[in-house]
PDB file of N, CA and C in Angstrom:
ATOM      1  N   MET A   1      -1.836   1.310  24.171  1.00  0.00           N
ATOM      2  CA  MET A   1      -1.828   0.491  22.974  1.00  0.00           C
ATOM      3  C   MET A   1      -2.037   1.383  21.747  1.00  0.00           C
ATOM      4  N   ARG A   2      -1.302   1.095  20.698  1.00  0.00           N
ATOM      5  CA  ARG A   2      -1.418   1.854  19.451  1.00  0.00           C
ATOM      6  C   ARG A   2      -2.766   1.571  18.795  1.00  0.00           C
ATOM      7  N   PRO A   3      -3.433   2.615  18.287  1.00  0.00           N
ATOM      8  CA  PRO A   3      -4.735   2.396  17.646  1.00  0.00           C
ATOM      9  C   PRO A   3      -4.592   1.725  16.278  1.00  0.00           C
ATOM     10  N   ILE A   4      -5.582   0.927  15.928  1.00  0.00           N
ATOM     11  CA  ILE A   4      -5.660   0.356  14.582  1.00  0.00           C
ATOM     12  C   ILE A   4      -6.284   1.416  13.682  1.00  0.00           C
ATOM     13  N   ILE A   5      -5.616   1.692  12.563  1.00  0.00           N
ATOM     14  CA  ILE A   5      -6.064   2.711  11.619  1.00  0.00           C
ATOM     15  C   ILE A   5      -6.351   2.038  10.275  1.00  0.00           C
ATOM     16  N   GLY A   6      -7.574   2.189   9.774  1.00  0.00           N
ATOM     17  CA  GLY A   6      -7.916   1.701   8.440  1.00  0.00           C
ATOM     18  C   GLY A   6      -7.639   2.786   7.416  1.00  0.00           C
ATOM     19  N   ILE A   7      -6.896   2.444   6.372  1.00  0.00           N
ATOM     20  CA  ILE A   7      -6.518   3.405   5.337  1.00  0.00           C
ATOM     21  C   ILE A   7      -7.044   2.901   3.999  1.00  0.00           C
ATOM     22  N   THR A   8      -7.929   3.673   3.377  1.00  0.00           N
ATOM     23  CA  THR A   8      -8.382   3.293   2.037  1.00  0.00           C
ATOM     24  C   THR A   8      -7.351   3.760   1.017  1.00  0.00           C
ATOM     25  N   MET A   9      -7.139   2.949  -0.011  1.00  0.00           N
ATOM     26  CA  MET A   9      -6.075   3.251  -0.970  1.00  0.00           C
ATOM     27  C   MET A   9      -6.468   4.314  -1.984  1.00  0.00           C
ATOM     28  N   GLY A  10      -7.736   4.679  -2.058  1.00  0.00           N
ATOM     29  CA  GLY A  10      -8.167   5.683  -3.023  1.00  0.00           C
ATOM     30  C   GLY A  10      -8.469   5.076  -4.378  1.00  0.00           C
ATOM     31  N   ASP A  11      -8.612   5.940  -5.372  1.00  0.00           N
ATOM     32  CA  ASP A  11      -8.944   5.505  -6.728  1.00  0.00           C
ATOM     33  C   ASP A  11      -7.815   4.628  -7.269  1.00  0.00           C
ATOM     34  N   PRO A  12      -8.120   3.417  -7.695  1.00  0.00           N
ATOM     35  CA  PRO A  12      -7.083   2.516  -8.204  1.00  0.00           C
ATOM     36  C   PRO A  12      -6.284   3.090  -9.375  1.00  0.00           C
ATOM     37  N   ALA A  13      -6.893   3.969 -10.156  1.00  0.00           N
ATOM     38  CA  ALA A  13      -6.216   4.543 -11.319  1.00  0.00           C
ATOM     39  C   ALA A  13      -5.510   5.854 -10.993  1.00  0.00           C
ATOM     40  N   GLY A  14      -5.618   6.307  -9.753  1.00  0.00           N
ATOM     41  CA  GLY A  14      -5.022   7.577  -9.352  1.00  0.00           C
ATOM     42  C   GLY A  14      -3.718   7.396  -8.591  1.00  0.00           C
ATOM     43  N   ILE A  15      -3.361   8.432  -7.828  1.00  0.00           N
ATOM     44  CA  ILE A  15      -2.103   8.404  -7.079  1.00  0.00           C
ATOM     45  C   ILE A  15      -2.269   7.869  -5.656  1.00  0.00           C
ATOM     46  N   GLY A  16      -3.499   7.577  -5.263  1.00  0.00           N
ATOM     47  CA  GLY A  16      -3.763   7.091  -3.908  1.00  0.00           C
ATOM     48  C   GLY A  16      -2.961   5.866  -3.501  1.00  0.00           C
ATOM     49  N   PRO A  17      -2.897   4.820  -4.341  1.00  0.00           N
ATOM     50  CA  PRO A  17      -2.117   3.645  -3.960  1.00  0.00           C
ATOM     51  C   PRO A  17      -0.632   3.958  -3.716  1.00  0.00           C
ATOM     52  N   GLU A  18      -0.051   4.810  -4.552  1.00  0.00           N
ATOM     53  CA  GLU A  18       1.359   5.173  -4.369  1.00  0.00           C
ATOM     54  C   GLU A  18       1.557   5.997  -3.100  1.00  0.00           C
ATOM     55  N   ILE A  19       0.657   6.922  -2.833  1.00  0.00           N
ATOM     56  CA  ILE A  19       0.761   7.740  -1.621  1.00  0.00           C
ATOM     57  C   ILE A  19       0.618   6.867  -0.381  1.00  0.00           C
ATOM     58  N   THR A  20      -0.296   5.920  -0.429  1.00  0.00           N
ATOM     59  CA  THR A  20      -0.490   5.003   0.695  1.00  0.00           C
ATOM     60  C   THR A  20       0.790   4.227   0.980  1.00  0.00           C
ATOM     61  N   ILE A  21       1.406   3.691  -0.056  1.00  0.00           N
ATOM     62  CA  ILE A  21       2.651   2.933   0.112  1.00  0.00           C
ATOM     63  C   ILE A  21       3.761   3.834   0.636  1.00  0.00           C
ATOM     64  N   ARG A  22       3.875   5.033   0.084  1.00  0.00           N
ATOM     65  CA  ARG A  22       4.919   5.962   0.555  1.00  0.00           C
ATOM     66  C   ARG A  22       4.739   6.276   2.034  1.00  0.00           C
ATOM     67  N   ALA A  23       3.495   6.506   2.447  1.00  0.00           N
ATOM     68  CA  ALA A  23       3.233   6.802   3.860  1.00  0.00           C
ATOM     69  C   ALA A  23       3.631   5.622   4.741  1.00  0.00           C
ATOM     70  N   LEU A  24       3.334   4.417   4.294  1.00  0.00           N
ATOM     71  CA  LEU A  24       3.623   3.236   5.108  1.00  0.00           C
ATOM     72  C   LEU A  24       5.067   2.759   4.974  1.00  0.00           C
ATOM     73  N   SER A  25       5.864   3.470   4.193  1.00  0.00           N
ATOM     74  CA  SER A  25       7.296   3.179   4.144  1.00  0.00           C
ATOM     75  C   SER A  25       8.044   3.950   5.232  1.00  0.00           C
ATOM     76  N   VAL A  26       7.307   4.739   6.008  1.00  0.00           N
ATOM     77  CA  VAL A  26       7.881   5.536   7.101  1.00  0.00           C
ATOM     78  C   VAL A  26       7.723   4.760   8.411  1.00  0.00           C
ATOM     79  N   LYS A  27       8.838   4.423   9.027  1.00  0.00           N
ATOM     80  CA  LYS A  27       8.821   3.564  10.218  1.00  0.00           C
ATOM     81  C   LYS A  27       8.018   4.157  11.374  1.00  0.00           C
ATOM     82  N   ARG A  28       8.057   5.458  11.563  1.00  0.00           N
ATOM     83  CA  ARG A  28       7.382   6.040  12.733  1.00  0.00           C
ATOM     84  C   ARG A  28       5.863   5.885  12.681  1.00  0.00           C
ATOM     85  N   ILE A  29       5.309   5.653  11.481  1.00  0.00           N
ATOM     86  CA  ILE A  29       3.869   5.371  11.375  1.00  0.00           C
ATOM     87  C   ILE A  29       3.539   4.128  12.199  1.00  0.00           C
ATOM     88  N   TYR A  30       4.398   3.134  12.121  1.00  0.00           N
ATOM     89  CA  TYR A  30       4.182   1.881  12.850  1.00  0.00           C
ATOM     90  C   TYR A  30       4.483   2.020  14.341  1.00  0.00           C
ATOM     91  N   GLU A  31       5.246   3.025  14.705  1.00  0.00           N
ATOM     92  CA  GLU A  31       5.519   3.275  16.123  1.00  0.00           C
ATOM     93  C   GLU A  31       4.317   3.910  16.813  1.00  0.00           C
ATOM     94  N   LYS A  32       3.482   4.610  16.039  1.00  0.00           N
ATOM     95  CA  LYS A  32       2.335   5.337  16.600  1.00  0.00           C
ATOM     96  C   LYS A  32       0.993   4.641  16.366  1.00  0.00           C
ATOM     97  N   THR A  33       0.899   3.841  15.283  1.00  0.00           N
ATOM     98  CA  THR A  33      -0.378   3.225  14.917  1.00  0.00           C
ATOM     99  C   THR A  33      -0.172   1.781  14.463  1.00  0.00           C
ATOM    100  N   ARG A  34      -1.282   1.103  14.245  1.00  0.00           N
ATOM    101  CA  ARG A  34      -1.292  -0.230  13.636  1.00  0.00           C
ATOM    102  C   ARG A  34      -2.139  -0.110  12.360  1.00  0.00           C
ATOM    103  N   PRO A  35      -1.480   0.212  11.231  1.00  0.00           N
ATOM    104  CA  PRO A  35      -2.223   0.484   9.997  1.00  0.00           C
ATOM    105  C   PRO A  35      -2.648  -0.771   9.236  1.00  0.00           C
ATOM    106  N   VAL A  36      -3.825  -0.687   8.635  1.00  0.00           N
ATOM    107  CA  VAL A  36      -4.343  -1.711   7.729  1.00  0.00           C
ATOM    108  C   VAL A  36      -4.864  -0.982   6.493  1.00  0.00           C
ATOM    109  N   VAL A  37      -4.415  -1.406   5.321  1.00  0.00           N
ATOM    110  CA  VAL A  37      -4.885  -0.806   4.077  1.00  0.00           C
ATOM    111  C   VAL A  37      -6.097  -1.589   3.579  1.00  0.00           C
ATOM    112  N   ILE A  38      -7.112  -0.845   3.163  1.00  0.00           N
ATOM    113  CA  ILE A  38      -8.319  -1.441   2.603  1.00  0.00           C
ATOM    114  C   ILE A  38      -8.321  -1.113   1.119  1.00  0.00           C
ATOM    115  N   GLY A  39      -8.247  -2.140   0.284  1.00  0.00           N
ATOM    116  CA  GLY A  39      -8.200  -1.917  -1.154  1.00  0.00           C
ATOM    117  C   GLY A  39      -7.859  -3.184  -1.900  1.00  0.00           C
ATOM    118  N   ASP A  40      -7.392  -3.020  -3.115  1.00  0.00           N
ATOM    119  CA  ASP A  40      -7.059  -4.158  -3.963  1.00  0.00           C
ATOM    120  C   ASP A  40      -5.560  -4.419  -3.948  1.00  0.00           C
ATOM    121  N   LEU A  41      -5.199  -5.614  -3.528  1.00  0.00           N
ATOM    122  CA  LEU A  41      -3.793  -5.977  -3.432  1.00  0.00           C
ATOM    123  C   LEU A  41      -3.095  -5.885  -4.786  1.00  0.00           C
ATOM    124  N   CYS A  42      -3.759  -6.294  -5.855  1.00  0.00           N
ATOM    125  CA  CYS A  42      -3.119  -6.256  -7.179  1.00  0.00           C
ATOM    126  C   CYS A  42      -2.752  -4.826  -7.584  1.00  0.00           C
ATOM    127  N   VAL A  43      -3.567  -3.861  -7.208  1.00  0.00           N
ATOM    128  CA  VAL A  43      -3.288  -2.455  -7.520  1.00  0.00           C
ATOM    129  C   VAL A  43      -2.102  -1.967  -6.697  1.00  0.00           C
ATOM    130  N   LEU A  44      -2.063  -2.329  -5.435  1.00  0.00           N
ATOM    131  CA  LEU A  44      -0.955  -1.925  -4.567  1.00  0.00           C
ATOM    132  C   LEU A  44       0.358  -2.546  -5.036  1.00  0.00           C
ATOM    133  N   GLU A  45       0.318  -3.797  -5.476  1.00  0.00           N
ATOM    134  CA  GLU A  45       1.527  -4.443  -5.994  1.00  0.00           C
ATOM    135  C   GLU A  45       2.045  -3.710  -7.231  1.00  0.00           C
ATOM    136  N   LYS A  46       1.139  -3.313  -8.096  1.00  0.00           N
ATOM    137  CA  LYS A  46       1.539  -2.569  -9.303  1.00  0.00           C
ATOM    138  C   LYS A  46       2.127  -1.207  -8.919  1.00  0.00           C
ATOM    139  N   ALA A  47       1.502  -0.535  -7.963  1.00  0.00           N
ATOM    140  CA  ALA A  47       2.000   0.768  -7.510  1.00  0.00           C
ATOM    141  C   ALA A  47       3.390   0.638  -6.892  1.00  0.00           C
ATOM    142  N   LEU A  48       3.626  -0.425  -6.134  1.00  0.00           N
ATOM    143  CA  LEU A  48       4.943  -0.631  -5.530  1.00  0.00           C
ATOM    144  C   LEU A  48       5.997  -0.856  -6.610  1.00  0.00           C
ATOM    145  N   THR A  49       5.649  -1.581  -7.647  1.00  0.00           N
ATOM    146  CA  THR A  49       6.574  -1.793  -8.764  1.00  0.00           C
ATOM    147  C   THR A  49       6.964  -0.462  -9.401  1.00  0.00           C
ATOM    148  N   VAL A  50       5.987   0.410  -9.596  1.00  0.00           N
ATOM    149  CA  VAL A  50       6.250   1.741 -10.169  1.00  0.00           C
ATOM    150  C   VAL A  50       7.149   2.549  -9.237  1.00  0.00           C
ATOM    151  N   LEU A  51       6.855   2.528  -7.944  1.00  0.00           N
ATOM    152  CA  LEU A  51       7.667   3.281  -6.979  1.00  0.00           C
ATOM    153  C   LEU A  51       9.105   2.777  -6.945  1.00  0.00           C
ATOM    154  N   LYS A  52       9.292   1.475  -6.984  1.00  0.00           N
ATOM    155  CA  LYS A  52      10.647   0.907  -6.969  1.00  0.00           C
ATOM    156  C   LYS A  52      11.417   1.327  -8.216  1.00  0.00           C
ATOM    157  N   LYS A  53      10.754   1.302  -9.366  1.00  0.00           N
ATOM    158  CA  LYS A  53      11.415   1.698 -10.614  1.00  0.00           C
ATOM    159  C   LYS A  53      11.802   3.171 -10.563  1.00  0.00           C
ATOM    160  N   THR A  54      10.891   4.008 -10.114  1.00  0.00           N
ATOM    161  CA  THR A  54      11.154   5.443 -10.020  1.00  0.00           C
ATOM    162  C   THR A  54      12.279   5.722  -9.029  1.00  0.00           C
ATOM    163  N   ALA A  55      12.244   5.055  -7.874  1.00  0.00           N
ATOM    164  CA  ALA A  55      13.267   5.273  -6.844  1.00  0.00           C
ATOM    165  C   ALA A  55      14.644   4.857  -7.335  1.00  0.00           C
ATOM    166  N   SER A  56      14.709   3.803  -8.148  1.00  0.00           N
ATOM    167  CA  SER A  56      16.010   3.352  -8.647  1.00  0.00           C
ATOM    168  C   SER A  56      16.625   4.363  -9.611  1.00  0.00           C
ATOM    169  N   GLU A  57      15.789   5.233 -10.170  1.00  0.00           N
ATOM    170  CA  GLU A  57      16.267   6.235 -11.127  1.00  0.00           C
ATOM    171  C   GLU A  57      16.624   7.560 -10.460  1.00  0.00           C
ATOM    172  N   ILE A  58      16.305   7.700  -9.167  1.00  0.00           N
ATOM    173  CA  ILE A  58      16.532   8.959  -8.463  1.00  0.00           C
ATOM    174  C   ILE A  58      17.564   8.748  -7.365  1.00  0.00           C
ATOM    175  N   SER A  59      18.636   9.497  -7.422  1.00  0.00           N
ATOM    176  CA  SER A  59      19.671   9.408  -6.398  1.00  0.00           C
ATOM    177  C   SER A  59      19.122   9.893  -5.058  1.00  0.00           C
ATOM    178  N   GLY A  60      19.318   9.112  -4.013  1.00  0.00           N
ATOM    179  CA  GLY A  60      18.874   9.501  -2.676  1.00  0.00           C
ATOM    180  C   GLY A  60      17.408   9.221  -2.395  1.00  0.00           C
ATOM    181  N   ALA A  61      16.715   8.571  -3.316  1.00  0.00           N
ATOM    182  CA  ALA A  61      15.291   8.268  -3.110  1.00  0.00           C
ATOM    183  C   ALA A  61      15.124   7.130  -2.109  1.00  0.00           C
ATOM    184  N   GLU A  62      13.907   7.031  -1.571  1.00  0.00           N
ATOM    185  CA  GLU A  62      13.605   5.986  -0.607  1.00  0.00           C
ATOM    186  C   GLU A  62      13.824   4.602  -1.213  1.00  0.00           C
ATOM    187  N   ASN A  63      14.127   3.660  -0.330  1.00  0.00           N
ATOM    188  CA  ASN A  63      14.225   2.265  -0.727  1.00  0.00           C
ATOM    189  C   ASN A  63      12.903   1.600  -0.354  1.00  0.00           C
ATOM    190  N   TYR A  64      12.163   1.147  -1.314  1.00  0.00           N
ATOM    191  CA  TYR A  64      10.860   0.540  -1.051  1.00  0.00           C
ATOM    192  C   TYR A  64      11.005  -0.970  -0.898  1.00  0.00           C
ATOM    193  N   ASN A  65      11.733  -1.377   0.125  1.00  0.00           N
ATOM    194  CA  ASN A  65      11.913  -2.792   0.421  1.00  0.00           C
ATOM    195  C   ASN A  65      10.742  -3.241   1.293  1.00  0.00           C
ATOM    196  N   LEU A  66       9.570  -3.300   0.691  1.00  0.00           N
ATOM    197  CA  LEU A  66       8.334  -3.602   1.404  1.00  0.00           C
ATOM    198  C   LEU A  66       7.702  -4.852   0.821  1.00  0.00           C
ATOM    199  N   LYS A  67       6.854  -5.475   1.622  1.00  0.00           N
ATOM    200  CA  LYS A  67       6.058  -6.592   1.119  1.00  0.00           C
ATOM    201  C   LYS A  67       4.635  -6.430   1.632  1.00  0.00           C
ATOM    202  N   PHE A  68       3.739  -7.188   1.040  1.00  0.00           N
ATOM    203  CA  PHE A  68       2.327  -7.122   1.415  1.00  0.00           C
ATOM    204  C   PHE A  68       1.909  -8.399   2.126  1.00  0.00           C
ATOM    205  N   HIS A  69       0.942  -8.251   3.007  1.00  0.00           N
ATOM    206  CA  HIS A  69       0.357  -9.381   3.728  1.00  0.00           C
ATOM    207  C   HIS A  69      -1.152  -9.302   3.546  1.00  0.00           C
ATOM    208  N   ARG A  70      -1.698 -10.207   2.733  1.00  0.00           N
ATOM    209  CA  ARG A  70      -3.149 -10.224   2.475  1.00  0.00           C
ATOM    210  C   ARG A  70      -3.862 -10.764   3.712  1.00  0.00           C
ATOM    211  N   ILE A  71      -4.895 -10.028   4.139  1.00  0.00           N
ATOM    212  CA  ILE A  71      -5.691 -10.461   5.280  1.00  0.00           C
ATOM    213  C   ILE A  71      -7.171 -10.448   4.901  1.00  0.00           C
ATOM    214  N   THR A  72      -7.952 -11.242   5.624  1.00  0.00           N
ATOM    215  CA  THR A  72      -9.402 -11.236   5.443  1.00  0.00           C
ATOM    216  C   THR A  72     -10.094 -10.672   6.674  1.00  0.00           C
ATOM    217  N   SER A  73      -9.293 -10.458   7.719  1.00  0.00           N
ATOM    218  CA  SER A  73      -9.797  -9.905   8.975  1.00  0.00           C
ATOM    219  C   SER A  73      -8.655  -9.151   9.653  1.00  0.00           C
ATOM    220  N   VAL A  74      -8.984  -8.115  10.371  1.00  0.00           N
ATOM    221  CA  VAL A  74      -7.959  -7.346  11.090  1.00  0.00           C
ATOM    222  C   VAL A  74      -7.222  -8.238  12.090  1.00  0.00           C
ATOM    223  N   ASP A  75      -7.882  -9.270  12.572  1.00  0.00           N
ATOM    224  CA  ASP A  75      -7.244 -10.203  13.511  1.00  0.00           C
ATOM    225  C   ASP A  75      -6.021 -10.892  12.910  1.00  0.00           C
ATOM    226  N   GLU A  76      -5.927 -10.943  11.595  1.00  0.00           N
ATOM    227  CA  GLU A  76      -4.807 -11.593  10.909  1.00  0.00           C
ATOM    228  C   GLU A  76      -3.630 -10.647  10.661  1.00  0.00           C
ATOM    229  N   ALA A  77      -3.806  -9.373  10.919  1.00  0.00           N
ATOM    230  CA  ALA A  77      -2.772  -8.374  10.626  1.00  0.00           C
ATOM    231  C   ALA A  77      -1.533  -8.584  11.489  1.00  0.00           C
ATOM    232  N   LEU A  78      -0.378  -8.291  10.905  1.00  0.00           N
ATOM    233  CA  LEU A  78       0.900  -8.420  11.612  1.00  0.00           C
ATOM    234  C   LEU A  78       1.324  -7.119  12.281  1.00  0.00           C
ATOM    235  N   PHE A  79       0.986  -5.991  11.670  1.00  0.00           N
ATOM    236  CA  PHE A  79       1.353  -4.665  12.175  1.00  0.00           C
ATOM    237  C   PHE A  79       2.865  -4.531  12.365  1.00  0.00           C
ATOM    238  N   VAL A  80       3.621  -4.953  11.352  1.00  0.00           N
ATOM    239  CA  VAL A  80       5.079  -4.929  11.408  1.00  0.00           C
ATOM    240  C   VAL A  80       5.595  -4.001  10.315  1.00  0.00           C
ATOM    241  N   TYR A  81       6.502  -3.097  10.688  1.00  0.00           N
ATOM    242  CA  TYR A  81       7.100  -2.206   9.697  1.00  0.00           C
ATOM    243  C   TYR A  81       7.787  -3.037   8.613  1.00  0.00           C
ATOM    244  N   GLY A  82       7.564  -2.653   7.365  1.00  0.00           N
ATOM    245  CA  GLY A  82       8.145  -3.364   6.227  1.00  0.00           C
ATOM    246  C   GLY A  82       7.161  -4.322   5.580  1.00  0.00           C
ATOM    247  N   THR A  83       6.092  -4.631   6.297  1.00  0.00           N
ATOM    248  CA  THR A  83       5.028  -5.490   5.783  1.00  0.00           C
ATOM    249  C   THR A  83       3.720  -4.721   5.862  1.00  0.00           C
ATOM    250  N   ILE A  84       3.104  -4.490   4.728  1.00  0.00           N
ATOM    251  CA  ILE A  84       1.850  -3.741   4.682  1.00  0.00           C
ATOM    252  C   ILE A  84       0.687  -4.725   4.699  1.00  0.00           C
ATOM    253  N   ASP A  85      -0.102  -4.659   5.761  1.00  0.00           N
ATOM    254  CA  ASP A  85      -1.294  -5.501   5.881  1.00  0.00           C
ATOM    255  C   ASP A  85      -2.382  -4.933   4.978  1.00  0.00           C
ATOM    256  N   VAL A  86      -2.960  -5.790   4.122  1.00  0.00           N
ATOM    257  CA  VAL A  86      -3.970  -5.343   3.160  1.00  0.00           C
ATOM    258  C   VAL A  86      -5.227  -6.193   3.297  1.00  0.00           C
ATOM    259  N   LEU A  87      -6.330  -5.526   3.608  1.00  0.00           N
ATOM    260  CA  LEU A  87      -7.637  -6.163   3.571  1.00  0.00           C
ATOM    261  C   LEU A  87      -8.076  -6.090   2.111  1.00  0.00           C
ATOM    262  N   ASP A  88      -7.814  -7.165   1.374  1.00  0.00           N
ATOM    263  CA  ASP A  88      -7.988  -7.197  -0.084  1.00  0.00           C
ATOM    264  C   ASP A  88      -9.460  -7.354  -0.441  1.00  0.00           C
ATOM    265  N   ILE A  89     -10.022  -6.312  -1.079  1.00  0.00           N
ATOM    266  CA  ILE A  89     -11.436  -6.372  -1.451  1.00  0.00           C
ATOM    267  C   ILE A  89     -11.642  -6.969  -2.842  1.00  0.00           C
ATOM    268  N   GLY A  90     -10.585  -7.064  -3.629  1.00  0.00           N
ATOM    269  CA  GLY A  90     -10.618  -7.790  -4.894  1.00  0.00           C
ATOM    270  C   GLY A  90     -11.660  -7.348  -5.907  1.00  0.00           C
ATOM    271  N   LEU A  91     -11.827  -6.057  -6.085  1.00  0.00           N
ATOM    272  CA  LEU A  91     -12.831  -5.556  -7.026  1.00  0.00           C
ATOM    273  C   LEU A  91     -12.255  -5.113  -8.365  1.00  0.00           C
ATOM    274  N   VAL A  92     -10.947  -4.939  -8.434  1.00  0.00           N
ATOM    275  CA  VAL A  92     -10.325  -4.372  -9.636  1.00  0.00           C
ATOM    276  C   VAL A  92      -9.762  -5.480 -10.521  1.00  0.00           C
ATOM    277  N   ASP A  93     -10.072  -5.395 -11.809  1.00  0.00           N
ATOM    278  CA  ASP A  93      -9.447  -6.256 -12.809  1.00  0.00           C
ATOM    279  C   ASP A  93      -8.207  -5.504 -13.288  1.00  0.00           C
ATOM    280  N   ILE A  94      -7.054  -5.915 -12.815  1.00  0.00           N
ATOM    281  CA  ILE A  94      -5.808  -5.187 -13.080  1.00  0.00           C
ATOM    282  C   ILE A  94      -5.525  -5.083 -14.584  1.00  0.00           C
ATOM    283  N   ASP A  95      -5.975  -6.056 -15.368  1.00  0.00           N
ATOM    284  CA  ASP A  95      -5.747  -6.022 -16.813  1.00  0.00           C
ATOM    285  C   ASP A  95      -6.589  -4.951 -17.506  1.00  0.00           C
ATOM    286  N   GLN A  96      -7.675  -4.537 -16.874  1.00  0.00           N
ATOM    287  CA  GLN A  96      -8.551  -3.507 -17.437  1.00  0.00           C
ATOM    288  C   GLN A  96      -8.258  -2.111 -16.872  1.00  0.00           C
ATOM    289  N   LEU A  97      -7.416  -2.037 -15.860  1.00  0.00           N
ATOM    290  CA  LEU A  97      -7.125  -0.766 -15.189  1.00  0.00           C
ATOM    291  C   LEU A  97      -6.301   0.140 -16.091  1.00  0.00           C
ATOM    292  N   LYS A  98      -6.760   1.369 -16.251  1.00  0.00           N
ATOM    293  CA  LYS A  98      -6.047   2.364 -17.049  1.00  0.00           C
ATOM    294  C   LYS A  98      -5.617   3.478 -16.110  1.00  0.00           C
ATOM    295  N   ILE A  99      -4.330   3.515 -15.809  1.00  0.00           N
ATOM    296  CA  ILE A  99      -3.786   4.512 -14.899  1.00  0.00           C
ATOM    297  C   ILE A  99      -4.031   5.904 -15.474  1.00  0.00           C
ATOM    298  N   GLY A 100      -4.502   6.801 -14.613  1.00  0.00           N
ATOM    299  CA  GLY A 100      -4.750   8.176 -15.024  1.00  0.00           C
ATOM    300  C   GLY A 100      -6.170   8.445 -15.489  1.00  0.00           C
ATOM    301  N   GLU A 101      -6.974   7.388 -15.600  1.00  0.00           N
ATOM    302  CA  GLU A 101      -8.378   7.554 -15.978  1.00  0.00           C
ATOM    303  C   GLU A 101      -9.248   7.281 -14.761  1.00  0.00           C
ATOM    304  N   VAL A 102     -10.203   8.154 -14.508  1.00  0.00           N
ATOM    305  CA  VAL A 102     -11.095   7.985 -13.366  1.00  0.00           C
ATOM    306  C   VAL A 102     -11.861   6.683 -13.530  1.00  0.00           C
ATOM    307  N   SER A 103     -11.886   5.900 -12.451  1.00  0.00           N
ATOM    308  CA  SER A 103     -12.588   4.612 -12.529  1.00  0.00           C
ATOM    309  C   SER A 103     -13.906   4.648 -11.786  1.00  0.00           C
TER     310      SER A 103
END
């Protein structure tokens, strides 16, 4: 059985959320593990929007056709490639978040 791996998204204002999404856009991650992201869903949604915009401007870039699945327990996780399971801790006020500033 594939192990369940908890992945923290890192500093909401840093590159951690984007790196987390990029890593989970790789199908073989789901072939080897059952990943769950621990962090703020609103931050991850914003990071995905940035990645999609950047990818659309770069020829040959990844297609970030991903969606999120909010969970309150690992038992609710789907562990399906293309859907990122997120244990949403809900601590970040996205309207107050300043990208690039340490939070």
